[in-house]
Protein backbone atom coordinates (compact mmCIF):
# COMPACT_ATOMS: atom_id res chain seq x y z
CA MET A 1 18.85 3.94 20.32
CA ALA A 2 20.37 3.63 16.85
CA SER A 3 19.72 -0.47 17.25
CA ALA A 4 15.76 -0.06 18.17
CA THR A 5 13.59 -1.55 15.68
CA LYS A 6 12.43 1.33 13.25
CA LYS A 7 8.90 1.43 11.84
CA VAL A 8 8.36 2.18 8.07
CA LEU A 9 5.37 2.56 6.03
CA VAL A 10 5.38 1.82 2.21
CA PRO A 11 2.13 2.97 0.65
CA ILE A 12 1.34 1.18 -2.72
CA ALA A 13 -1.46 1.93 -5.19
CA ASN A 14 -2.48 0.44 -8.83
CA GLY A 15 -0.05 2.11 -10.95
CA THR A 16 2.93 2.15 -8.71
CA GLU A 17 6.46 1.47 -10.06
CA PRO A 18 7.26 -1.78 -8.70
CA ILE A 19 10.98 -1.05 -8.36
CA GLU A 20 10.36 1.82 -6.39
CA ALA A 21 8.17 0.01 -3.90
CA ILE A 22 10.21 -3.29 -3.88
CA VAL A 23 13.91 -1.94 -3.57
CA PRO A 24 12.83 0.21 -0.33
CA ILE A 25 10.72 -2.74 1.27
CA ASP A 26 13.62 -5.31 0.36
CA ILE A 27 16.60 -3.24 1.74
CA LEU A 28 15.07 -1.57 4.97
CA ARG A 29 14.17 -5.12 5.71
CA ARG A 30 17.71 -6.01 5.52
CA ALA A 31 18.68 -3.13 7.82
CA GLY A 32 16.39 -4.36 10.46
CA ALA A 33 13.28 -2.20 10.01
CA GLU A 34 9.67 -3.18 10.31
CA VAL A 35 8.15 -2.45 7.07
CA THR A 36 4.55 -2.28 6.47
CA VAL A 37 3.41 -2.42 2.95
CA ALA A 38 -0.06 -0.74 2.77
CA SER A 39 -2.53 -0.81 -0.25
CA ILE A 40 -4.47 2.34 -0.59
CA GLU A 41 -6.85 0.37 -2.95
CA LYS A 42 -9.90 -1.57 -1.47
CA GLN A 43 -7.92 -4.88 -1.43
CA LEU A 44 -4.44 -5.72 -0.66
CA GLN A 45 -3.18 -6.78 -4.11
CA ILE A 46 -2.32 -3.89 -6.40
CA GLU A 47 -1.29 -4.13 -9.90
CA GLY A 48 1.74 -1.90 -10.41
CA VAL A 49 2.96 -0.74 -13.90
CA HIS A 50 4.36 -3.21 -16.10
CA GLY A 51 1.90 -5.47 -15.10
CA ILE A 52 3.92 -6.45 -12.04
CA LYS A 53 1.35 -7.71 -8.99
CA LEU A 54 2.10 -7.24 -5.18
CA VAL A 55 0.31 -7.92 -2.42
CA ALA A 56 0.20 -5.48 0.71
CA ASP A 57 0.40 -6.43 4.31
CA ALA A 58 -2.34 -4.52 5.24
CA LEU A 59 -4.81 -1.39 4.01
CA ILE A 60 -4.00 2.04 4.62
CA SER A 61 -6.68 2.46 6.76
CA ASP A 62 -5.33 -0.32 9.29
CA CYS A 63 -2.04 2.09 9.41
CA ALA A 64 -3.99 5.48 10.60
CA ASP A 65 -2.92 5.49 13.97
CA THR A 66 0.36 3.84 13.87
CA GLU A 67 3.35 6.16 14.36
CA PHE A 68 6.29 5.41 11.75
CA ASP A 69 9.87 6.49 11.70
CA LEU A 70 9.72 6.91 8.27
CA ILE A 71 7.30 6.75 5.15
CA SER A 72 8.64 6.22 1.87
CA LEU A 73 6.25 7.01 -1.50
CA PRO A 74 7.22 5.43 -4.60
CA GLY A 75 6.57 6.77 -7.95
CA GLY A 76 5.05 5.65 -11.11
CA MET A 77 2.18 7.02 -13.01
CA PRO A 78 -0.89 6.71 -12.29
CA GLY A 79 0.52 5.42 -8.95
CA ALA A 80 1.65 8.80 -7.59
CA THR A 81 -1.46 10.35 -8.64
CA ASN A 82 -3.54 7.56 -6.72
CA LEU A 83 -1.21 8.22 -3.71
CA ARG A 84 -1.85 11.70 -4.07
CA ASN A 85 -5.52 11.66 -4.25
CA CYS A 86 -5.77 8.99 -0.76
CA LYS A 87 -7.10 11.38 2.03
CA ILE A 88 -5.99 8.70 4.56
CA LEU A 89 -2.46 8.68 3.32
CA GLU A 90 -2.28 12.60 2.95
CA ASN A 91 -3.09 12.84 6.67
CA ILE A 92 -0.90 10.39 7.74
CA VAL A 93 2.02 12.21 5.91
CA LYS A 94 1.04 15.49 7.01
CA LYS A 95 1.07 14.13 10.60
CA GLN A 96 4.52 12.52 10.05
CA ALA A 97 5.85 16.05 9.05
CA GLU A 98 4.18 17.97 11.97
CA SER A 99 6.05 15.58 14.08
CA GLY A 100 9.44 15.99 12.68
CA ARG A 101 9.66 12.48 11.43
CA PHE A 102 11.28 11.33 8.27
CA TYR A 103 9.27 11.06 5.04
CA ALA A 104 10.60 10.45 1.54
CA ALA A 105 9.54 9.89 -2.06
CA ILE A 106 11.00 9.25 -5.50
CA CYS A 107 10.32 9.55 -9.08
CA ALA A 108 7.20 11.43 -9.74
CA ALA A 109 5.91 11.28 -6.03
CA PRO A 110 8.24 14.16 -4.74
CA ALA A 111 6.17 16.60 -7.02
CA VAL A 112 2.65 14.88 -7.58
CA ALA A 113 2.21 13.87 -3.87
CA LEU A 114 4.46 15.71 -1.49
CA GLY A 115 4.67 18.96 -3.37
CA SER A 116 1.02 18.95 -3.94
CA TRP A 117 0.49 18.54 -0.51
CA GLY A 118 2.72 21.41 0.80
CA LEU A 119 5.14 19.32 2.26
CA LEU A 120 8.41 20.57 0.45
CA LYS A 121 7.86 24.33 1.07
CA GLY A 122 11.54 25.83 1.11
CA LEU A 123 13.14 22.52 1.04
CA LYS A 124 15.71 21.28 -1.63
CA ALA A 125 14.19 18.42 -3.42
CA THR A 126 14.32 16.07 -6.54
CA CYS A 127 12.32 13.97 -8.91
CA TYR A 128 11.77 12.24 -12.08
CA PRO A 129 13.07 14.75 -14.93
CA SER A 130 9.90 15.32 -16.53
CA PHE A 131 8.36 16.44 -13.42
CA MET A 132 11.16 18.80 -12.27
CA GLU A 133 9.03 21.96 -13.76
CA GLU A 134 6.27 21.06 -11.45
CA LEU A 135 8.35 20.20 -8.51
CA SER A 136 10.05 23.92 -8.88
CA SER A 137 6.82 25.72 -7.93
CA TYR A 138 6.73 23.46 -4.63
CA ALA A 139 10.38 23.32 -3.61
CA ILE A 140 13.88 24.45 -4.56
CA ALA A 141 14.31 21.71 -7.33
CA LEU A 142 17.99 20.20 -7.93
CA GLU A 143 19.01 17.62 -10.37
CA SER A 144 20.61 15.39 -7.50
CA ARG A 145 20.29 11.61 -7.73
CA VAL A 146 19.32 11.50 -4.18
CA GLN A 147 18.67 15.07 -2.22
CA LYS A 148 18.16 15.07 1.55
CA ASP A 149 16.90 18.48 3.30
CA ALA A 150 15.76 18.35 6.90
CA LYS A 151 13.70 15.08 7.54
CA VAL A 152 12.93 14.72 3.82
CA VAL A 153 14.55 12.38 1.32
CA THR A 154 13.69 12.66 -2.27
CA SER A 155 15.06 10.66 -5.40
CA ARG A 156 14.73 10.56 -9.33
CA GLY A 157 13.41 7.18 -10.60
CA PRO A 158 14.22 3.46 -10.82
CA GLY A 159 17.82 3.73 -11.60
CA THR A 160 18.24 5.69 -8.40
CA ALA A 161 16.13 3.59 -6.18
CA ILE A 162 19.17 1.59 -4.44
CA GLU A 163 20.89 4.82 -3.65
CA TYR A 164 17.93 6.27 -2.26
CA VAL A 165 17.22 3.51 0.10
CA VAL A 166 20.72 3.50 1.07
CA ALA A 167 20.51 7.08 1.96
CA LEU A 168 17.39 6.16 3.99
CA VAL A 169 18.99 3.50 6.03
CA GLU A 170 21.66 6.21 6.95
CA GLU A 171 19.24 8.37 7.97
CA LEU A 172 17.44 5.81 10.33
CA TYR A 173 20.32 4.15 11.47
CA GLY A 174 23.61 5.65 10.64
CA LYS A 175 26.68 5.72 8.23
CA GLU A 176 27.85 2.21 9.75
CA LYS A 177 24.26 0.23 9.28
CA ALA A 178 24.28 1.85 5.65
CA ASN A 179 27.76 0.34 4.79
CA GLU A 180 26.81 -2.81 6.36
CA VAL A 181 23.67 -3.47 4.27
CA SER A 182 25.15 -1.83 0.99
CA GLY A 183 28.16 -4.25 0.96
CA PRO A 184 26.33 -7.18 -0.11
CA LEU A 185 24.18 -5.48 -2.67
CA VAL A 186 27.14 -5.23 -4.78
CA MET A 187 26.19 -1.57 -5.74
CA ARG A 188 27.21 0.15 -9.17
CA PRO A 189 30.75 2.22 -8.27
CA ASN A 190 30.56 4.83 -10.79
CA HIS A 191 27.00 6.27 -12.08
CA SER A 192 28.67 8.71 -14.61
CA GLU A 193 29.78 5.86 -16.99
CA GLU A 194 27.64 4.24 -19.65
CA PHE A 195 26.57 0.82 -18.56
CA ALA A 196 28.86 -1.97 -19.97
CA PHE A 197 29.09 -5.69 -19.62
CA ALA A 198 31.95 -8.24 -20.56
CA GLU A 199 31.38 -10.34 -23.61
CA LEU A 200 33.10 -13.42 -24.89
CA ASN A 201 32.26 -15.62 -28.07
CA SER A 202 29.63 -13.11 -29.25
CA VAL A 203 26.52 -14.53 -30.96
CA ASN A 204 23.38 -12.77 -32.43
CA TRP A 205 20.37 -13.24 -30.26
CA THR A 206 17.47 -13.63 -32.55
CA CYS A 207 13.82 -13.46 -31.91
CA THR A 208 10.28 -13.20 -33.90
CA SER A 209 9.12 -9.91 -33.24
CA LYS A 210 9.21 -9.34 -29.45
CA PRO A 211 11.39 -11.70 -27.42
CA GLN A 212 9.29 -14.21 -25.58
CA ILE A 213 11.07 -14.32 -22.00
CA LEU A 214 10.50 -16.89 -18.95
CA VAL A 215 11.35 -15.60 -15.69
CA PRO A 216 10.42 -18.16 -13.06
CA ILE A 217 9.88 -17.27 -9.34
CA ALA A 218 9.62 -19.24 -6.31
CA ASN A 219 9.31 -19.02 -2.25
CA GLY A 220 12.41 -17.13 -1.15
CA SER A 221 13.68 -15.76 -4.77
CA GLU A 222 15.22 -12.20 -4.33
CA GLU A 223 12.24 -9.87 -5.09
CA MET A 224 14.62 -7.10 -5.99
CA GLU A 225 16.26 -9.19 -8.62
CA ALA A 226 12.86 -10.51 -9.98
CA ALA A 227 10.98 -7.13 -9.98
CA ILE A 228 13.96 -5.27 -11.97
CA ILE A 229 14.15 -7.98 -14.55
CA ILE A 230 10.72 -8.04 -15.35
CA ASP A 231 10.19 -4.43 -15.19
CA VAL A 232 13.13 -3.49 -17.28
CA LEU A 233 12.55 -6.33 -20.00
CA ARG A 234 8.94 -5.40 -20.19
CA ARG A 235 10.05 -1.70 -20.90
CA ALA A 236 12.21 -3.16 -23.80
CA ASN A 237 8.99 -4.43 -25.22
CA ALA A 238 9.74 -7.87 -24.33
CA ARG A 239 6.77 -10.30 -23.74
CA VAL A 240 7.71 -11.47 -19.96
CA VAL A 241 5.82 -14.58 -18.75
CA VAL A 242 6.40 -14.67 -14.68
CA ALA A 243 5.93 -18.40 -13.46
CA SER A 244 5.67 -19.57 -10.06
CA LEU A 245 7.11 -22.84 -9.00
CA GLU A 246 4.89 -23.11 -5.99
CA ASP A 247 1.17 -24.60 -6.06
CA THR A 248 -0.10 -21.11 -6.00
CA LEU A 249 0.53 -17.57 -8.31
CA GLU A 250 1.44 -15.88 -5.21
CA ILE A 251 4.87 -16.46 -3.69
CA VAL A 252 6.74 -14.94 -0.44
CA ALA A 253 10.24 -13.65 -1.48
CA SER A 254 13.45 -13.84 0.55
CA ARG A 255 12.30 -10.22 2.34
CA LYS A 256 8.60 -11.41 2.36
CA VAL A 257 7.55 -9.25 -0.30
CA LYS A 258 4.42 -11.26 -1.88
CA LEU A 259 4.79 -11.31 -5.66
CA VAL A 260 1.93 -12.71 -7.87
CA ALA A 261 3.13 -14.57 -10.87
CA ASP A 262 1.00 -14.53 -14.47
CA MET A 263 0.71 -18.53 -14.36
CA LEU A 264 2.08 -21.71 -12.85
CA LEU A 265 5.23 -23.15 -14.25
CA ASP A 266 3.27 -26.25 -15.71
CA GLU A 267 1.36 -23.95 -17.81
CA ALA A 268 4.40 -21.60 -18.75
CA ALA A 269 6.34 -24.95 -19.88
CA LYS A 270 3.91 -25.51 -22.76
CA GLN A 271 5.53 -22.62 -24.45
CA SER A 272 9.02 -21.92 -25.73
CA TYR A 273 10.98 -18.90 -25.00
CA ASP A 274 13.68 -16.87 -26.76
CA LEU A 275 15.21 -16.55 -22.96
CA ILE A 276 15.08 -18.23 -19.53
CA VAL A 277 16.35 -16.15 -17.06
CA LEU A 278 16.65 -16.83 -13.36
CA PRO A 279 16.57 -14.43 -10.51
CA GLY A 280 18.71 -15.12 -7.37
CA GLY A 281 17.79 -15.46 -3.71
CA LEU A 282 19.24 -18.52 -1.82
CA GLY A 283 15.64 -20.21 -1.20
CA GLY A 284 14.44 -19.39 -4.76
CA ALA A 285 17.50 -20.72 -6.38
CA GLU A 286 17.20 -24.10 -4.32
CA ALA A 287 13.64 -24.55 -5.49
CA PHE A 288 14.82 -23.86 -8.94
CA ALA A 289 17.51 -26.53 -8.87
CA ASN A 290 15.18 -28.92 -7.33
CA SER A 291 12.44 -28.38 -9.96
CA ASN A 292 12.98 -31.29 -12.56
CA LYS A 293 10.61 -29.30 -15.02
CA LEU A 294 12.50 -26.09 -14.90
CA VAL A 295 16.04 -27.73 -15.16
CA ASP A 296 14.64 -29.78 -18.19
CA MET A 297 13.69 -26.52 -19.72
CA LEU A 298 17.05 -24.93 -19.28
CA LYS A 299 18.90 -28.12 -20.69
CA LYS A 300 16.62 -27.99 -23.91
CA GLN A 301 17.25 -24.49 -24.04
CA ARG A 302 20.85 -24.88 -24.10
CA GLU A 303 20.81 -27.88 -26.42
CA SER A 304 18.85 -25.62 -29.06
CA SER A 305 21.45 -22.74 -28.42
CA ARG A 306 18.72 -20.51 -27.24
CA PRO A 307 19.87 -17.87 -24.48
CA TYR A 308 19.58 -18.49 -20.89
CA GLY A 309 20.62 -16.75 -17.77
CA ALA A 310 20.82 -16.47 -14.24
CA MET A 311 21.99 -14.16 -11.34
CA CYS A 312 23.13 -14.14 -7.82
CA ALA A 313 22.97 -17.37 -6.22
CA SER A 314 21.31 -19.10 -9.26
CA PRO A 315 24.52 -19.57 -11.46
CA ALA A 316 26.45 -21.28 -8.87
CA LEU A 317 23.40 -23.23 -7.11
CA VAL A 318 21.42 -24.06 -10.35
CA LEU A 319 23.58 -23.69 -13.59
CA GLU A 320 26.78 -25.02 -12.23
CA HIS A 321 24.91 -27.95 -10.12
CA HIS A 322 23.06 -29.24 -13.29
CA GLY A 323 26.15 -28.96 -15.62
CA LEU A 324 24.98 -26.04 -17.24
CA LEU A 325 27.95 -23.75 -17.28
CA LYS A 326 30.05 -26.47 -18.84
CA GLY A 327 32.65 -24.85 -21.12
CA LYS A 328 31.32 -21.25 -20.11
CA LYS A 329 32.69 -17.99 -18.43
CA ALA A 330 30.02 -16.96 -15.66
CA THR A 331 29.88 -14.97 -12.79
CA ALA A 332 27.68 -15.02 -9.23
CA PHE A 333 27.30 -13.65 -6.14
CA PRO A 334 30.44 -13.09 -4.61
CA ALA A 335 30.36 -15.18 -1.74
CA LEU A 336 29.25 -18.31 -3.97
CA CYS A 337 31.88 -17.72 -7.05
CA ASN A 338 34.02 -20.45 -5.44
CA LYS A 339 31.31 -22.74 -6.62
CA LEU A 340 31.79 -21.88 -10.11
CA SER A 341 34.14 -24.44 -12.32
CA ASP A 342 35.53 -21.34 -14.12
CA PRO A 343 35.60 -18.12 -12.07
CA SER A 344 37.98 -16.61 -14.25
CA GLU A 345 35.69 -13.89 -15.42
CA ALA A 346 33.69 -13.55 -11.90
CA GLU A 347 34.86 -10.08 -11.18
CA ASN A 348 32.66 -8.80 -13.78
CA ARG A 349 29.21 -7.23 -13.06
CA VAL A 350 27.58 -8.89 -15.76
CA VAL A 351 29.08 -11.74 -18.39
CA VAL A 352 27.71 -12.65 -21.57
CA ASP A 353 29.35 -15.87 -23.07
CA GLY A 354 27.73 -16.88 -26.21
CA ASN A 355 23.89 -17.85 -25.22
CA LEU A 356 24.56 -17.44 -21.56
CA VAL A 357 24.28 -14.14 -19.13
CA THR A 358 25.25 -14.17 -15.60
CA SER A 359 25.57 -11.39 -13.09
CA ARG A 360 26.23 -10.93 -9.53
CA GLY A 361 23.58 -9.42 -6.94
CA PRO A 362 20.60 -7.03 -6.45
CA GLY A 363 23.25 -3.80 -7.49
CA THR A 364 24.09 -5.47 -10.68
CA THR A 365 20.43 -6.41 -11.62
CA MET A 366 19.53 -3.10 -13.82
CA GLU A 367 22.88 -3.80 -15.76
CA PHE A 368 21.86 -7.60 -16.08
CA ALA A 369 18.50 -6.47 -17.42
CA LEU A 370 19.89 -4.08 -19.77
CA ALA A 371 22.56 -6.34 -21.16
CA ILE A 372 19.77 -8.46 -22.04
CA ALA A 373 17.92 -6.00 -23.75
CA ASP A 374 21.06 -4.73 -25.72
CA LYS A 375 21.45 -8.47 -27.03
CA PHE A 376 17.59 -8.16 -28.40
CA ILE A 377 16.79 -4.62 -29.14
CA GLY A 378 20.43 -3.23 -29.80
CA ARG A 379 22.65 -0.57 -28.03
CA LYS A 380 21.02 2.57 -29.15
CA GLU A 381 17.34 1.59 -27.90
CA THR A 382 18.94 0.39 -24.73
CA LEU A 383 20.99 3.27 -23.85
CA GLU A 384 17.55 5.22 -24.18
CA LEU A 385 15.88 2.82 -22.03
CA ALA A 386 18.73 3.46 -19.46
CA LYS A 387 18.25 7.33 -19.66
CA LYS A 388 14.43 7.06 -19.29
CA MET A 389 14.95 5.05 -15.82
CA VAL A 390 17.72 7.49 -14.67
CA PHE A 391 20.33 4.90 -14.81
């Protein structure tokens, strides 16, 4: 039965931490799960923390009679409190526990939701560091990055989200499937090390007060990469403009997550940016490469010696394709590195060459975003930021 389709529920609310919602949706769909994203609000669209907008597949009331193999609660405040206060969701998760099926939570949600509902009694669990004391009144609180006990999996924060979901895949489908799914993610091998990036031809990245950063998105963009970049850079106090290349603000990303941009690219193009940075995803990268407006903006960015960057499929399919890597060292998604004219630094997870920054895949996105933060706000503040995200 290991290959039977598994049904997963990911509830979201205003104030949900987007990374902790999107990473599970993305990776569980890669594993073949049928994931329902359910809004506990009165409408499908929610606004997560850091202003990231998501559109759910259904309202939570539509899910009350469905049987799920797994329910995964994202954290974020006040998102976790909003989840806790939703009676329909509470009943769904309690029914899940009673019937001996998997349930899971990350960040604030293990303490704020599962704990307060009495669903962690006598179990080992973990959560976001500042909620550990609250958790200890409901569970055996441990400082693990991911904690499994019986049918419950808990985890600590945005920086542990990928490990958390790989553990969920293993619970649902077994070790072999977990390895198969985690391979292409290019996961971080050692979490005890300080994050680092390869830097060549070092130059100072300057900006007036807050860095102004453009993140374009399109149908087929990799949602994990887009969400992590936007989330981390807004935490670093950058003004991030998310621009849709489509005719509408809403785009459907590579694993069918619906993201809502701040504005269309035509509007975004009226401003100038300290950095333009492209997430990956095959369909998204192709849309970027075919956008004359975006390519023109990238060329002007390079000509004026202002920073630009890309990750995953985008360095090879966009930057290389349009001559924007000439004389530069870069990396890309492993399967596309053969398209780079100079792949000599491609084994690095993040490469900064002067005003250019590139990276490899979903599992390197946080390092990519932190490297950008490092260039704009400095090492000390960036390490503090990494620590807050439990990275």
